C-alpha cells in the first residue's frame, strides 16, 4: 500500500486496515512509505524494524498490467468494500492490489458478513485489532528508543498507575505552520482544563493506596508538558531532551534532523501505548492510534467537546470511557 503523505496517525490507520485486507485475502503485505525515488525524507525502516514480515515495498511490486489500483484517500468509497464486499474479489485477477489511502476502515471490517467471523475466530475484536496489527508489524529500533530512554525507564514501572494525556493544538504549531513562526509553543495549562480534570478523575478512581502515579503528556505544543509539570508536580514526565517535536511530513535539507523527527514520533507513540489510561483529543488520529496500541480495555477517554455524542455524560467516571466505534468514526476514520 502507498502512504506517502500526511502524519503518522493517518498513515498507521491506513496501514492497519490494509494489513487486515491482505491477511484476509491471503496476500503478502508491503508498505511504500515515500516515493521510490525519494531521497529527502527518511524511510520507515529508519525508525522501526519488521519483526515478523518484510513489509518494505520495492518498485517491482507494481508491474504494469498486473496491478489493480484502489485509490481512496479520505473518500467515503474507501469504507464501502471493507464493510460489505467479499474482499477476495477486489483485484482477484491481478498480482498486486495497490491501495492508496490515508484513512482507516477497521470498524467497517467487523460488520462485513464475508469476513467478520474469520476475524473473531482469530481472537480479534474491534478494540484490539489495531494494536495487534501495530505490534505485529513494527518494533521500535534501539536508536529510536534511545531518544526517550529516561521516559522509557519510568513507564516500564509495572506497579505505577500510568495516565497518558494527549493534547493536540494542530499542525499550525509545527514547523512551517503560521503559529510556529511566532516562536516555540509554550502552552497554557488553564486553556486545557478538561484534559487535566479527566486525568485527575482517573487517578482518583484507580489509584491504589501509596501507588506511584505517572502522567505522560504528549502534544504537538512542545511547551505544554513543562507547563503541566509546573502545575501538577513531578508525577508529570518531562520530555526527553534528545527527542524532537515536529511533523514527519515536513522535510528539511538536514537528513539527520529528519531522521531524529521520525524516530522521535515513533518513540513518543510507543511511550503513550505503555500507559494504562489515555486521555486524548478527538480531532487526532495520532492520539487515537497510540491509545489503541496500548491494547487496554475501557481505558480511552475523549474529553474535547467538538465531536462528542449529543447527550453523552461529561467527565471521566469509570463507566464514561469512549467506545471503539466512537473513536473510529470521528475525525479521520480508524
Protein backbone atom coordinates (compact mmCIF):
# COMPACT_ATOMS: atom_id res chain seq x y z
CA UNK A 1 0.00 0.00 0.00
CA UNK A 2 1.04 3.60 -0.55
CA UNK A 3 1.10 6.02 2.41
CA UNK A 4 3.36 8.75 1.06
CA UNK A 5 1.80 11.79 2.71
CA UNK A 6 0.21 13.02 5.97
CA UNK A 7 1.18 12.41 9.57
CA UNK A 8 1.91 9.22 11.45
CA UNK A 9 -1.61 8.70 12.81
CA UNK A 10 -3.32 8.81 9.39
CA UNK A 11 -0.66 6.55 7.91
CA UNK A 12 -0.93 3.98 10.69
CA UNK A 13 -4.74 3.94 10.47
CA UNK A 14 -4.49 3.20 6.75
CA UNK A 15 -1.75 0.60 7.22
CA UNK A 16 -3.75 -1.34 9.82
CA UNK A 17 -6.85 -1.60 7.61
CA UNK A 18 -4.96 -2.69 4.51
CA UNK A 19 -2.87 -5.15 6.54
CA UNK A 20 -6.06 -6.94 7.58
CA UNK A 21 -7.25 -6.79 3.95
CA UNK A 22 -4.04 -8.58 2.93
CA UNK A 23 -4.35 -11.12 5.75
CA UNK A 24 -7.99 -11.92 5.00
CA UNK A 25 -7.29 -12.37 1.27
CA UNK A 26 -4.03 -14.33 1.62
CA UNK A 27 -1.79 -11.66 0.07
CA UNK A 28 1.67 -10.50 1.02
CA UNK A 29 1.68 -7.06 2.62
CA UNK A 30 4.06 -4.27 1.59
CA UNK A 31 4.32 -0.59 2.57
CA UNK A 32 5.51 2.24 0.34
CA UNK A 33 6.35 4.95 2.88
CA UNK A 34 7.63 7.53 0.37
CA UNK A 35 8.01 7.50 -3.39
CA UNK A 36 10.66 5.01 -4.51
CA UNK A 37 12.91 7.71 -5.89
CA UNK A 38 12.58 9.75 -2.69
CA UNK A 39 15.96 10.81 -1.31
CA UNK A 40 14.99 13.67 1.04
CA UNK A 41 12.65 12.01 3.52
CA UNK A 42 13.88 9.15 5.73
CA UNK A 43 12.24 5.82 5.07
CA UNK A 44 10.15 3.88 7.59
CA UNK A 45 12.91 1.41 8.46
CA UNK A 46 14.96 4.25 9.94
CA UNK A 47 12.63 4.23 12.97
CA UNK A 48 11.22 0.70 13.22
CA UNK A 49 12.06 -2.86 12.30
CA UNK A 50 9.80 -5.54 10.90
CA UNK A 51 9.84 -8.36 13.47
CA UNK A 52 7.69 -10.84 11.53
CA UNK A 53 7.34 -9.97 7.82
CA UNK A 54 9.22 -7.97 5.21
CA UNK A 55 6.88 -5.04 4.58
CA UNK A 56 9.29 -2.87 2.61
CA UNK A 57 7.88 -2.28 -0.87
CA UNK A 58 10.09 -2.33 -3.96
CA UNK A 59 9.37 -0.99 -7.48
CA UNK A 60 8.73 -4.49 -8.87
CA UNK A 61 5.62 -4.69 -6.65
CA UNK A 62 3.88 -2.50 -9.23
CA UNK A 63 4.32 -4.34 -12.51
CA UNK A 64 2.47 -2.71 -15.42
CA UNK A 65 -0.55 -4.74 -16.45
CA UNK A 66 -0.68 -6.80 -13.27
CA UNK A 67 -1.66 -4.17 -10.69
CA UNK A 68 -5.16 -3.26 -9.57
CA UNK A 69 -5.24 0.22 -8.01
CA UNK A 70 -7.66 1.19 -5.25
CA UNK A 71 -7.34 4.96 -4.87
CA UNK A 72 -9.44 6.13 -1.91
CA UNK A 73 -7.73 8.92 0.03
CA UNK A 74 -10.28 10.28 2.53
CA UNK A 75 -13.18 9.21 0.36
CA UNK A 76 -16.41 7.61 1.62
CA UNK A 77 -15.86 4.99 -1.08
CA UNK A 78 -12.85 3.74 0.88
CA UNK A 79 -15.10 2.26 3.54
CA UNK A 80 -17.74 0.60 1.37
CA UNK A 81 -15.82 -2.53 0.29
CA UNK A 82 -14.46 -3.10 3.79
CA UNK A 83 -17.96 -3.19 5.21
CA UNK A 84 -19.84 -5.16 2.57
CA UNK A 85 -17.72 -6.79 -0.13
CA UNK A 86 -16.01 -10.13 -0.33
CA UNK A 87 -12.54 -8.61 -0.25
CA UNK A 88 -11.09 -11.51 -2.22
CA UNK A 89 -12.95 -10.23 -5.30
CA UNK A 90 -11.03 -6.93 -5.28
CA UNK A 91 -8.29 -7.24 -7.88
CA UNK A 92 -8.61 -11.01 -7.88
CA UNK A 93 -7.19 -11.20 -11.42
CA UNK A 94 -4.18 -9.06 -10.56
CA UNK A 95 -0.87 -9.95 -8.99
CA UNK A 96 -0.94 -6.78 -6.87
CA UNK A 97 -3.72 -4.77 -5.28
CA UNK A 98 -2.29 -1.31 -4.76
CA UNK A 99 -4.09 0.69 -2.06
CA UNK A 100 -3.66 4.47 -1.90
CA UNK A 101 -5.37 5.80 1.20
CA UNK A 102 -4.93 7.94 4.27
CA UNK A 103 -7.94 6.84 6.27
CA UNK A 104 -8.82 3.60 8.01
CA UNK A 105 -11.75 1.23 7.63
CA UNK A 106 -11.15 -1.12 10.55
CA UNK A 107 -14.52 -0.55 12.15
CA UNK A 108 -16.24 -1.48 8.88
CA UNK A 109 -14.47 -4.84 8.73
CA UNK A 110 -16.25 -6.08 11.83
CA UNK A 111 -19.61 -5.53 10.13
CA UNK A 112 -18.56 -7.31 6.94
CA UNK A 113 -20.65 -10.50 6.56
CA UNK A 114 -17.91 -12.17 4.49
CA UNK A 115 -15.07 -11.66 6.99
CA UNK A 116 -16.45 -10.89 10.42
CA UNK A 117 -16.44 -14.49 11.60
CA UNK A 118 -12.87 -15.06 10.47
CA UNK A 119 -11.68 -12.04 12.44
CA UNK A 120 -13.48 -13.26 15.54
CA UNK A 121 -12.06 -16.78 15.17
CA UNK A 122 -8.58 -15.25 15.10
CA UNK A 123 -9.36 -13.79 18.50
CA UNK A 124 -9.62 -10.22 17.23
CA UNK A 125 -12.07 -7.62 18.44
CA UNK A 126 -12.56 -4.07 17.16
CA UNK A 127 -10.80 -2.72 20.27
CA UNK A 128 -7.72 -4.93 19.80
CA UNK A 129 -7.33 -5.31 16.03
CA UNK A 130 -5.39 -2.05 15.59
CA UNK A 131 -3.00 -2.64 18.47
CA UNK A 132 -2.46 -6.26 17.47
CA UNK A 133 -1.53 -5.26 13.91
CA UNK A 134 0.83 -2.50 15.05
CA UNK A 135 2.63 -4.84 17.46
CA UNK A 136 2.98 -7.45 14.73
CA UNK A 137 4.25 -5.05 12.08
CA UNK A 138 6.53 -2.66 13.94
CA UNK A 139 9.18 -2.78 16.62
CA UNK A 140 10.98 0.46 17.52
CA UNK A 141 14.68 0.36 16.72
CA UNK A 142 17.16 0.68 19.60
CA UNK A 143 18.18 4.05 18.15
CA UNK A 144 14.54 5.13 18.37
CA UNK A 145 14.12 4.13 22.00
CA UNK A 146 17.48 5.63 22.90
CA UNK A 147 16.00 9.08 22.22
CA UNK A 148 13.49 8.60 25.06
CA UNK A 149 15.42 6.29 27.35
CA UNK A 150 14.64 8.26 30.52
CA UNK A 151 10.88 8.13 29.98
CA UNK A 152 11.07 4.53 28.79
CA UNK A 153 12.53 3.52 32.16
CA UNK A 154 9.83 5.42 34.07
CA UNK A 155 6.93 3.99 32.05
CA UNK A 156 8.29 0.47 32.43
CA UNK A 157 7.32 0.60 36.12
CA UNK A 158 4.56 -2.01 36.21
CA UNK A 159 3.49 -1.07 39.71
CA UNK A 160 2.75 2.56 38.83
CA UNK A 161 -0.57 3.92 37.61
CA UNK A 162 0.31 5.46 34.25
CA UNK A 163 -2.02 8.00 32.63
CA UNK A 164 -1.36 9.33 29.14
CA UNK A 165 -2.64 12.79 28.21
CA UNK A 166 -2.65 13.75 24.54
CA UNK A 167 -3.36 17.37 23.64
CA UNK A 168 -3.43 18.39 20.01
CA UNK A 169 -3.03 22.05 19.21
CA UNK A 170 -2.84 21.49 15.45
CA UNK A 171 -0.32 21.35 12.63
CA UNK A 172 -0.11 25.15 12.64
CA UNK A 173 2.07 24.84 15.73
CA UNK A 174 4.59 22.57 13.99
CA UNK A 175 7.35 23.61 11.62
CA UNK A 176 6.26 25.81 8.70
CA UNK A 177 2.89 26.47 10.34
CA UNK A 178 1.83 30.07 10.99
CA UNK A 179 1.83 29.61 14.77
CA UNK A 180 5.35 28.18 14.74
CA UNK A 181 6.67 31.38 13.24
CA UNK A 182 5.59 33.16 16.41
CA UNK A 183 8.12 31.07 18.34
CA UNK A 184 8.02 27.77 20.26
CA UNK A 185 4.57 26.82 21.54
CA UNK A 186 4.59 27.38 25.29
CA UNK A 187 1.12 26.07 26.02
CA UNK A 188 -1.38 27.16 28.64
CA UNK A 189 -2.49 24.68 31.29
CA UNK A 190 -5.57 26.74 32.12
CA UNK A 191 -6.67 26.58 28.48
CA UNK A 192 -6.82 22.77 28.62
CA UNK A 193 -8.61 22.16 31.91
CA UNK A 194 -10.82 19.34 30.57
CA UNK A 195 -7.77 17.14 29.96
CA UNK A 196 -6.36 17.66 33.45
CA UNK A 197 -9.74 17.22 35.15
CA UNK A 198 -10.15 13.93 33.32
CA UNK A 199 -6.67 12.71 34.28
CA UNK A 200 -7.34 13.66 37.92
CA UNK A 201 -10.65 11.76 37.92
CA UNK A 202 -8.96 8.65 36.55
CA UNK A 203 -6.23 8.94 39.15
CA UNK A 204 -8.75 9.29 41.98
CA UNK A 205 -10.75 6.27 40.84
CA UNK A 206 -7.95 3.83 40.03
CA UNK A 207 -5.01 4.72 42.26
CA UNK A 208 -4.24 2.15 44.94
CA UNK A 209 -3.02 3.31 48.38
CA UNK A 210 0.58 4.51 48.19
CA UNK A 211 0.72 3.73 44.48
CA UNK A 212 3.01 5.85 42.35
CA UNK A 213 1.26 7.88 39.63
CA UNK A 214 2.81 8.92 36.32
CA UNK A 215 1.35 11.34 33.80
CA UNK A 216 2.84 11.15 30.32
CA UNK A 217 1.86 14.26 28.34
CA UNK A 218 2.08 14.07 24.54
CA UNK A 219 1.48 17.16 22.42
CA UNK A 220 2.44 18.99 19.26
CA UNK A 221 2.87 22.04 21.54
CA UNK A 222 6.35 21.39 22.87
CA UNK A 223 5.88 23.58 25.94
CA UNK A 224 2.73 22.00 27.38
CA UNK A 225 4.44 19.10 29.22
CA UNK A 226 6.63 21.64 31.03
CA UNK A 227 3.61 23.78 31.95
CA UNK A 228 1.84 20.66 33.21
CA UNK A 229 4.84 19.72 35.37
CA UNK A 230 4.85 23.21 36.85
CA UNK A 231 1.16 22.88 37.70
CA UNK A 232 0.92 19.25 38.83
CA UNK A 233 4.36 18.33 40.09
CA UNK A 234 6.89 15.62 39.43
CA UNK A 235 4.34 12.97 38.53
CA UNK A 236 4.40 14.60 35.06
CA UNK A 237 7.26 13.22 32.97
CA UNK A 238 9.34 15.85 31.23
CA UNK A 239 10.14 15.28 27.54
CA UNK A 240 13.41 13.57 26.74
CA UNK A 241 15.89 16.26 25.65
CA UNK A 242 17.16 14.23 22.68
CA UNK A 243 13.72 13.90 21.07
CA UNK A 244 12.16 16.42 18.66
CA UNK A 245 8.55 17.59 18.28
CA UNK A 246 7.75 18.02 14.60
CA UNK A 247 5.64 16.70 11.73
CA UNK A 248 7.05 13.73 9.79
CA UNK A 249 5.62 15.12 6.54
CA UNK A 250 7.84 18.22 6.72
CA UNK A 251 11.22 17.69 5.08
CA UNK A 252 14.30 19.81 5.62
CA UNK A 253 17.68 19.78 3.96
CA UNK A 254 19.05 18.25 7.15
CA UNK A 255 18.72 14.48 6.81
CA UNK A 256 19.97 13.85 10.36
CA UNK A 257 17.30 16.15 11.78
CA UNK A 258 14.52 14.47 9.77
CA UNK A 259 15.60 11.01 10.91
CA UNK A 260 15.50 12.17 14.53
CA UNK A 261 11.99 13.57 13.97
CA UNK A 262 10.73 10.27 12.53
CA UNK A 263 12.32 8.28 15.34
CA UNK A 264 11.04 10.72 17.96
CA UNK A 265 7.49 10.46 16.63
CA UNK A 266 7.51 6.67 16.74
CA UNK A 267 9.17 6.73 20.17
CA UNK A 268 6.53 9.08 21.57
CA UNK A 269 3.80 6.90 20.07
CA UNK A 270 5.35 3.84 21.74
CA UNK A 271 5.61 5.55 25.14
CA UNK A 272 1.96 6.61 25.04
CA UNK A 273 0.98 3.00 24.32
CA UNK A 274 2.65 1.98 27.59
CA UNK A 275 0.12 3.94 29.68
CA UNK A 276 -2.82 2.32 31.50
CA UNK A 277 -5.34 5.04 30.65
CA UNK A 278 -5.40 7.54 27.81
CA UNK A 279 -6.98 11.00 27.74
CA UNK A 280 -6.94 12.06 24.11
CA UNK A 281 -8.01 14.75 21.66
CA UNK A 282 -10.82 13.63 19.37
CA UNK A 283 -9.57 15.57 16.34
CA UNK A 284 -6.41 13.49 16.01
CA UNK A 285 -5.76 10.05 14.59
CA UNK A 286 -2.27 10.22 16.14
CA UNK A 287 -3.59 10.11 19.69
CA UNK A 288 -6.22 7.52 18.81
CA UNK A 289 -3.75 5.10 17.25
CA UNK A 290 -1.30 5.46 20.16
CA UNK A 291 -4.12 4.79 22.63
CA UNK A 292 -5.33 1.74 20.68
CA UNK A 293 -1.76 0.43 20.57
CA UNK A 294 -1.93 0.08 24.36
CA UNK A 295 -4.31 -2.88 23.92
CA UNK A 296 -6.08 -1.81 27.11
CA UNK A 297 -9.83 -2.14 27.65
CA UNK A 298 -12.16 0.63 28.83
CA UNK A 299 -9.18 2.93 29.09
CA UNK A 300 -9.71 5.69 26.49
CA UNK A 301 -11.41 8.99 27.31
CA UNK A 302 -12.07 11.70 24.73
CA UNK A 303 -12.65 14.95 26.56
CA UNK A 304 -12.89 17.61 23.87
CA UNK A 305 -16.48 18.52 23.01
CA UNK A 306 -16.07 19.14 19.27
CA UNK A 307 -17.32 15.69 18.23
CA UNK A 308 -18.84 14.46 21.49
CA UNK A 309 -22.04 12.48 21.02
CA UNK A 310 -25.09 14.53 21.93
CA UNK A 311 -26.36 13.68 25.38
CA UNK A 312 -23.20 11.81 26.40
CA UNK A 313 -22.40 12.39 30.10
CA UNK A 314 -19.47 14.65 30.80
CA UNK A 315 -16.48 13.77 32.92
CA UNK A 316 -14.30 10.69 33.12
CA UNK A 317 -16.02 8.37 35.53
CA UNK A 318 -15.19 4.69 35.18
CA UNK A 319 -18.25 3.99 33.04
CA UNK A 320 -17.78 7.02 30.83
CA UNK A 321 -14.93 5.70 28.70
CA UNK A 322 -15.27 6.07 24.94
CA UNK A 323 -16.06 3.10 22.72
CA UNK A 324 -14.02 1.97 19.77
CA UNK A 325 -16.94 2.73 17.46
CA UNK A 326 -16.93 6.34 18.65
CA UNK A 327 -13.15 6.66 18.18
CA UNK A 328 -13.29 5.06 14.75
CA UNK A 329 -15.92 7.37 13.33
CA UNK A 330 -14.88 10.84 14.47
CA UNK A 331 -12.35 12.97 12.62
CA UNK A 332 -10.31 10.70 10.30
CA UNK A 333 -11.74 7.20 10.41
CA UNK A 334 -9.81 4.36 12.05
